[in-house]
Every structure is written in C-alpha cells, then in structure tokens.
Amino acid sequence: MRRTERFPVKGANSLWHVYKTVPFWKVVKNFIIIQMARYTPFLTLKNWMYRRFLKMKIGTKTSFALMVMLDVMFPEKITIGKNTVIGYNTTILAHEYLIKEYRLGKVEIGDHVMIGANTTILPGIKIGDHAIVSAGTLVHKDVAEGTFVGGNPMKIIYTKEECAERWKDDPIYGNFDKTPKK
C-alpha cells in the first residue's frame, strides 16, 4: 500500500476545495517555476530552480529530461537521490484529489535510478537505489533496490539478482574488474 495521508472532504469533490488545502499563490509560483524548468536545456539551472524555489531535495548530478512534470501543489514532498535520470515527459505526483478525499504522500527516488520516458509516479512511493523503471510505466507501488520494473499495471521484469546475473558479463552494467590488465 502506498504511504499517503488521507483527508476527507464534505460536499463537493476534493478538487473543488483545492485552495483550502494549498495556497493559491503557492500554486501559481510553483506552476511558473515548473513550466520554465520543463523547457530549459540547462540541467544545473533546472536543479537549482527546483531546490531554491520548490524546496525539493535533489542529489548531485541528477538529470531531469525535457518536459518532466512535477507536482505543482506539493513539490517539496519529492526527494530524488544523486546521479538519477528522470526521463522525458515523466510525471511525479505527491497529491491525489478524489471525490470524497484528497491524499498527500512523499515520493522518494533513490540514487542511480533510471526512470524511463512517459512514466507516472503516484504519491507515497519509494523507488530504491539502482532501480530501473521502463518507459510508460505507472508506478503505483514501491520499487525495490536494483529491481527492473515496467508496464501498466507495473510488474517486476527482473529482480536485483536476475539483473546481476543477466548483466554479469556486460562491460557497462556488469560487475567487471575496472583495472587495466598488464
């Protein structure tokens, strides 16, 4: 189960009550920053904008591809480790507005993670270090460290151990001796 905090609403659906749950001017500011960052080709500038104006925690050398859409209402609930790649047009949500309730949840993405293009990550999710999420995946539950997942609904493609076995002789992804031979 995803780790979200639930807030019931009465009367109209929860989105109708949106500015009772998050300040209007915060959403406006976040929207402007996110839209500017979505199109900038400068990765360091993008990360600086997210850290400085959205209060996100982002590790060094993390890369956000063009058009990544972050949660406009609660981006401060998103944490991304170092040397991670977030693929083109990926959406990362920290909130859900439903009919009778809204939910908030932290999104924690580890170090050295690869998120493929057009992926959607729902609130309350943790993606472990060295995980791989294939393009077009709906991440609706946690992803264990080193696991390769994909699809909608998301399924495990390879476990950490299966990935290690599959790539053991691969010169890029395998566990090979990096010292030059004499």
C-alpha atoms as a PDB file:
ATOM      1  CA  MET A   1       0.000   0.000   0.000  1.00  0.00           C
ATOM      2  CA  ARG A   2       1.242   3.488  -0.799  1.00  0.00           C
ATOM      3  CA  ARG A   3       2.145   5.724   2.144  1.00  0.00           C
ATOM      4  CA  THR A   4      -0.344   8.575   1.843  1.00  0.00           C
ATOM      5  CA  GLU A   5      -2.121  10.675   4.413  1.00  0.00           C
ATOM      6  CA  ARG A   6      -5.870  10.874   3.784  1.00  0.00           C
ATOM      7  CA  PHE A   7      -8.018  13.986   4.289  1.00  0.00           C
ATOM      8  CA  PRO A   8     -11.808  13.574   3.934  1.00  0.00           C
ATOM      9  CA  VAL A   9     -13.927  16.391   2.492  1.00  0.00           C
ATOM     10  CA  LYS A  10     -17.626  17.126   2.729  1.00  0.00           C
ATOM     11  CA  GLY A  11     -19.903  18.337  -0.057  1.00  0.00           C
ATOM     12  CA  ALA A  12     -18.288  18.847  -3.455  1.00  0.00           C
ATOM     13  CA  ASN A  13     -15.320  16.760  -4.613  1.00  0.00           C
ATOM     14  CA  SER A  14     -11.923  17.449  -3.061  1.00  0.00           C
ATOM     15  CA  LEU A  15     -10.553  19.325  -6.080  1.00  0.00           C
ATOM     16  CA  TRP A  16     -13.372  21.844  -5.643  1.00  0.00           C
ATOM     17  CA  HIS A  17     -11.797  22.585  -2.233  1.00  0.00           C
ATOM     18  CA  VAL A  18      -8.252  22.857  -3.622  1.00  0.00           C
ATOM     19  CA  TYR A  19      -7.435  26.338  -2.301  1.00  0.00           C
ATOM     20  CA  LYS A  20      -8.479  25.308   1.189  1.00  0.00           C
ATOM     21  CA  THR A  21      -5.741  22.664   1.012  1.00  0.00           C
ATOM     22  CA  VAL A  22      -2.933  24.634  -0.668  1.00  0.00           C
ATOM     23  CA  PRO A  23      -2.497  28.419  -1.027  1.00  0.00           C
ATOM     24  CA  PHE A  24      -3.402  29.836  -4.443  1.00  0.00           C
ATOM     25  CA  TRP A  25      -0.210  31.919  -4.765  1.00  0.00           C
ATOM     26  CA  LYS A  26       1.958  28.901  -3.910  1.00  0.00           C
ATOM     27  CA  VAL A  27       0.374  27.017  -6.820  1.00  0.00           C
ATOM     28  CA  VAL A  28       0.866  29.997  -9.161  1.00  0.00           C
ATOM     29  CA  LYS A  29       4.545  30.339  -8.184  1.00  0.00           C
ATOM     30  CA  ASN A  30       5.152  26.578  -8.473  1.00  0.00           C
ATOM     31  CA  PHE A  31       3.417  26.432 -11.847  1.00  0.00           C
ATOM     32  CA  ILE A  32       5.594  29.222 -13.268  1.00  0.00           C
ATOM     33  CA  ILE A  33       8.840  27.680 -11.942  1.00  0.00           C
ATOM     34  CA  ILE A  34       7.934  24.188 -13.156  1.00  0.00           C
ATOM     35  CA  GLN A  35       6.938  25.412 -16.621  1.00  0.00           C
ATOM     36  CA  MET A  36      10.169  27.395 -17.006  1.00  0.00           C
ATOM     37  CA  ALA A  37      12.256  24.426 -15.838  1.00  0.00           C
ATOM     38  CA  ARG A  38      10.430  21.955 -18.096  1.00  0.00           C
ATOM     39  CA  TYR A  39      11.818  23.726 -21.179  1.00  0.00           C
ATOM     40  CA  THR A  40      15.272  24.775 -20.030  1.00  0.00           C
ATOM     41  CA  PRO A  41      18.106  22.712 -21.516  1.00  0.00           C
ATOM     42  CA  PHE A  42      20.438  23.574 -18.611  1.00  0.00           C
ATOM     43  CA  LEU A  43      20.351  20.719 -16.095  1.00  0.00           C
ATOM     44  CA  THR A  44      22.182  22.582 -13.324  1.00  0.00           C
ATOM     45  CA  LEU A  45      19.815  25.547 -13.666  1.00  0.00           C
ATOM     46  CA  LYS A  46      16.802  23.234 -13.570  1.00  0.00           C
ATOM     47  CA  ASN A  47      18.044  21.544 -10.370  1.00  0.00           C
ATOM     48  CA  TRP A  48      18.848  24.912  -8.786  1.00  0.00           C
ATOM     49  CA  MET A  49      15.321  26.192  -9.548  1.00  0.00           C
ATOM     50  CA  TYR A  50      13.738  23.064  -8.050  1.00  0.00           C
ATOM     51  CA  ARG A  51      15.871  23.262  -4.902  1.00  0.00           C
ATOM     52  CA  ARG A  52      15.665  27.029  -4.427  1.00  0.00           C
ATOM     53  CA  PHE A  53      12.051  27.801  -5.299  1.00  0.00           C
ATOM     54  CA  LEU A  54      10.234  24.485  -4.805  1.00  0.00           C
ATOM     55  CA  LYS A  55      12.182  23.260  -1.740  1.00  0.00           C
ATOM     56  CA  MET A  56      12.827  19.867  -3.335  1.00  0.00           C
ATOM     57  CA  LYS A  57      15.699  17.662  -2.204  1.00  0.00           C
ATOM     58  CA  ILE A  58      17.714  16.663  -5.281  1.00  0.00           C
ATOM     59  CA  GLY A  59      21.067  14.882  -5.285  1.00  0.00           C
ATOM     60  CA  THR A  60      24.094  15.911  -7.301  1.00  0.00           C
ATOM     61  CA  LYS A  61      24.281  15.008 -10.985  1.00  0.00           C
ATOM     62  CA  THR A  62      20.569  14.159 -11.153  1.00  0.00           C
ATOM     63  CA  SER A  63      19.112  14.886 -14.597  1.00  0.00           C
ATOM     64  CA  PHE A  64      15.554  15.895 -15.458  1.00  0.00           C
ATOM     65  CA  ALA A  65      14.818  15.441 -19.156  1.00  0.00           C
ATOM     66  CA  LEU A  66      12.735  17.868 -21.174  1.00  0.00           C
ATOM     67  CA  MET A  67       9.060  18.182 -20.172  1.00  0.00           C
ATOM     68  CA  VAL A  68       9.217  16.421 -16.778  1.00  0.00           C
ATOM     69  CA  MET A  69       6.104  17.482 -14.842  1.00  0.00           C
ATOM     70  CA  LEU A  70       6.486  17.748 -11.078  1.00  0.00           C
ATOM     71  CA  ASP A  71       3.666  18.016  -8.583  1.00  0.00           C
ATOM     72  CA  VAL A  72       2.570  21.651  -8.836  1.00  0.00           C
ATOM     73  CA  MET A  73       0.927  21.751  -5.402  1.00  0.00           C
ATOM     74  CA  PHE A  74       3.357  19.871  -3.152  1.00  0.00           C
ATOM     75  CA  PRO A  75       6.756  19.571  -4.914  1.00  0.00           C
ATOM     76  CA  GLU A  76       8.528  19.828  -1.542  1.00  0.00           C
ATOM     77  CA  LYS A  77       7.335  16.265  -0.846  1.00  0.00           C
ATOM     78  CA  ILE A  78       9.549  14.919  -3.667  1.00  0.00           C
ATOM     79  CA  THR A  79      13.093  13.706  -2.899  1.00  0.00           C
ATOM     80  CA  ILE A  80      15.453  12.411  -5.585  1.00  0.00           C
ATOM     81  CA  GLY A  81      18.898  10.969  -4.937  1.00  0.00           C
ATOM     82  CA  LYS A  82      22.170  11.518  -6.741  1.00  0.00           C
ATOM     83  CA  ASN A  83      23.031  10.611 -10.331  1.00  0.00           C
ATOM     84  CA  THR A  84      19.442   9.711 -11.208  1.00  0.00           C
ATOM     85  CA  VAL A  85      17.784  10.221 -14.606  1.00  0.00           C
ATOM     86  CA  ILE A  86      14.132  11.251 -14.866  1.00  0.00           C
ATOM     87  CA  GLY A  87      13.013  10.579 -18.447  1.00  0.00           C
ATOM     88  CA  TYR A  88      11.178  12.780 -20.926  1.00  0.00           C
ATOM     89  CA  ASN A  89       7.594  13.787 -20.040  1.00  0.00           C
ATOM     90  CA  THR A  90       7.559  11.873 -16.750  1.00  0.00           C
ATOM     91  CA  THR A  91       5.012  12.999 -14.134  1.00  0.00           C
ATOM     92  CA  ILE A  92       5.778  12.817 -10.412  1.00  0.00           C
ATOM     93  CA  LEU A  93       2.771  13.379  -8.126  1.00  0.00           C
ATOM     94  CA  ALA A  94       2.705  13.949  -4.360  1.00  0.00           C
ATOM     95  CA  HIS A  95      -1.070  14.505  -4.182  1.00  0.00           C
ATOM     96  CA  GLU A  96      -4.335  12.978  -5.371  1.00  0.00           C
ATOM     97  CA  TYR A  97      -7.658  14.818  -5.348  1.00  0.00           C
ATOM     98  CA  LEU A  98     -10.504  12.292  -5.294  1.00  0.00           C
ATOM     99  CA  ILE A  99     -14.276  12.573  -4.845  1.00  0.00           C
ATOM    100  CA  LYS A 100     -14.552  12.230  -1.051  1.00  0.00           C
ATOM    101  CA  GLU A 101     -10.958  12.849  -0.004  1.00  0.00           C
ATOM    102  CA  TYR A 102      -7.562  14.091  -1.019  1.00  0.00           C
ATOM    103  CA  ARG A 103      -4.294  12.299  -0.282  1.00  0.00           C
ATOM    104  CA  LEU A 104      -0.747  13.518   0.198  1.00  0.00           C
ATOM    105  CA  GLY A 105       2.358  11.358   0.149  1.00  0.00           C
ATOM    106  CA  LYS A 106       6.095  11.728  -0.113  1.00  0.00           C
ATOM    107  CA  VAL A 107       7.851  10.419  -3.199  1.00  0.00           C
ATOM    108  CA  GLU A 108      11.350   9.106  -2.555  1.00  0.00           C
ATOM    109  CA  ILE A 109      13.525   8.190  -5.516  1.00  0.00           C
ATOM    110  CA  GLY A 110      16.956   6.760  -4.670  1.00  0.00           C
ATOM    111  CA  ASP A 111      20.460   7.146  -6.049  1.00  0.00           C
ATOM    112  CA  HIS A 112      21.449   5.940  -9.546  1.00  0.00           C
ATOM    113  CA  VAL A 113      17.838   5.329 -10.591  1.00  0.00           C
ATOM    114  CA  MET A 114      16.694   5.334 -14.227  1.00  0.00           C
ATOM    115  CA  ILE A 115      13.101   6.451 -14.861  1.00  0.00           C
ATOM    116  CA  GLY A 116      12.044   5.936 -18.492  1.00  0.00           C
ATOM    117  CA  ALA A 117      10.092   8.451 -20.572  1.00  0.00           C
ATOM    118  CA  ASN A 118       6.345   8.977 -20.086  1.00  0.00           C
ATOM    119  CA  THR A 119       6.295   7.361 -16.654  1.00  0.00           C
ATOM    120  CA  THR A 120       3.800   8.411 -13.968  1.00  0.00           C
ATOM    121  CA  ILE A 121       4.814   8.107 -10.323  1.00  0.00           C
ATOM    122  CA  LEU A 122       1.963   8.273  -7.799  1.00  0.00           C
ATOM    123  CA  PRO A 123       2.156   9.746  -4.265  1.00  0.00           C
ATOM    124  CA  GLY A 124       3.518   7.711  -1.373  1.00  0.00           C
ATOM    125  CA  ILE A 125       6.025   5.754  -3.474  1.00  0.00           C
ATOM    126  CA  LYS A 126       9.613   4.787  -2.725  1.00  0.00           C
ATOM    127  CA  ILE A 127      11.941   3.731  -5.541  1.00  0.00           C
ATOM    128  CA  GLY A 128      15.143   2.104  -4.274  1.00  0.00           C
ATOM    129  CA  ASP A 129      18.723   2.804  -5.322  1.00  0.00           C
ATOM    130  CA  HIS A 130      19.828   1.444  -8.719  1.00  0.00           C
ATOM    131  CA  ALA A 131      16.251   0.636  -9.772  1.00  0.00           C
ATOM    132  CA  ILE A 132      15.165   0.874 -13.400  1.00  0.00           C
ATOM    133  CA  VAL A 133      11.631   1.892 -14.396  1.00  0.00           C
ATOM    134  CA  SER A 134      10.871   1.275 -18.068  1.00  0.00           C
ATOM    135  CA  ALA A 135       9.216   3.890 -20.264  1.00  0.00           C
ATOM    136  CA  GLY A 136       5.450   4.303 -19.965  1.00  0.00           C
ATOM    137  CA  THR A 137       5.181   2.738 -16.502  1.00  0.00           C
ATOM    138  CA  LEU A 138       2.544   3.627 -13.910  1.00  0.00           C
ATOM    139  CA  VAL A 139       4.444   3.386 -10.614  1.00  0.00           C
ATOM    140  CA  HIS A 140       1.649   2.575  -8.173  1.00  0.00           C
ATOM    141  CA  LYS A 141       3.684   0.691  -5.561  1.00  0.00           C
ATOM    142  CA  ASP A 142       7.219   0.709  -4.186  1.00  0.00           C
ATOM    143  CA  VAL A 143      10.145  -0.457  -6.316  1.00  0.00           C
ATOM    144  CA  ALA A 144      12.848  -2.423  -4.502  1.00  0.00           C
ATOM    145  CA  GLU A 145      16.523  -1.548  -4.791  1.00  0.00           C
ATOM    146  CA  GLY A 146      18.101  -2.772  -8.023  1.00  0.00           C
ATOM    147  CA  THR A 147      14.823  -4.012  -9.485  1.00  0.00           C
ATOM    148  CA  PHE A 148      13.814  -3.516 -13.135  1.00  0.00           C
ATOM    149  CA  VAL A 149      10.060  -2.798 -13.424  1.00  0.00           C
ATOM    150  CA  GLY A 150       7.666  -1.755 -16.158  1.00  0.00           C
ATOM    151  CA  GLY A 151       4.160  -1.679 -17.524  1.00  0.00           C
ATOM    152  CA  ASN A 152       0.675  -0.611 -16.596  1.00  0.00           C
ATOM    153  CA  PRO A 153      -0.034  -2.070 -14.148  1.00  0.00           C
ATOM    154  CA  MET A 154       3.609  -2.086 -13.086  1.00  0.00           C
ATOM    155  CA  LYS A 155       5.226  -5.505 -12.777  1.00  0.00           C
ATOM    156  CA  ILE A 156       8.685  -6.735 -11.900  1.00  0.00           C
ATOM    157  CA  ILE A 157      10.618  -7.519 -15.071  1.00  0.00           C
ATOM    158  CA  TYR A 158      13.841  -8.560 -13.316  1.00  0.00           C
ATOM    159  CA  THR A 159      14.722  -8.743  -9.630  1.00  0.00           C
ATOM    160  CA  LYS A 160      18.010  -7.326  -8.399  1.00  0.00           C
ATOM    161  CA  GLU A 161      19.534 -10.814  -8.522  1.00  0.00           C
ATOM    162  CA  GLU A 162      18.215 -11.507 -12.035  1.00  0.00           C
ATOM    163  CA  CYS A 163      19.617  -8.179 -13.250  1.00  0.00           C
ATOM    164  CA  ALA A 164      23.015  -9.023 -11.752  1.00  0.00           C
ATOM    165  CA  GLU A 165      23.021 -12.433 -13.464  1.00  0.00           C
ATOM    166  CA  ARG A 166      21.833 -11.027 -16.798  1.00  0.00           C
ATOM    167  CA  TRP A 167      24.430  -8.269 -16.842  1.00  0.00           C
ATOM    168  CA  LYS A 168      27.343 -10.018 -15.131  1.00  0.00           C
ATOM    169  CA  ASP A 169      29.445 -10.043 -18.325  1.00  0.00           C
ATOM    170  CA  ASP A 170      28.218  -6.721 -19.704  1.00  0.00           C
ATOM    171  CA  PRO A 171      31.130  -4.250 -19.977  1.00  0.00           C
ATOM    172  CA  ILE A 172      28.932  -1.298 -18.958  1.00  0.00           C
ATOM    173  CA  TYR A 173      26.408  -2.667 -16.458  1.00  0.00           C
ATOM    174  CA  GLY A 174      28.176  -5.811 -15.268  1.00  0.00           C
ATOM    175  CA  ASN A 175      30.423  -6.400 -12.301  1.00  0.00           C
ATOM    176  CA  PHE A 176      33.749  -6.480 -14.050  1.00  0.00           C
ATOM    177  CA  ASP A 177      37.278  -5.638 -12.986  1.00  0.00           C
ATOM    178  CA  LYS A 178      37.922  -1.996 -13.882  1.00  0.00           C
ATOM    179  CA  THR A 179      41.705  -2.184 -13.514  1.00  0.00           C
ATOM    180  CA  PRO A 180      43.582  -2.444 -16.783  1.00  0.00           C
ATOM    181  CA  LYS A 181      45.305  -5.751 -17.456  1.00  0.00           C
ATOM    182  CA  LYS A 182      49.083  -5.728 -17.976  1.00  0.00           C
END
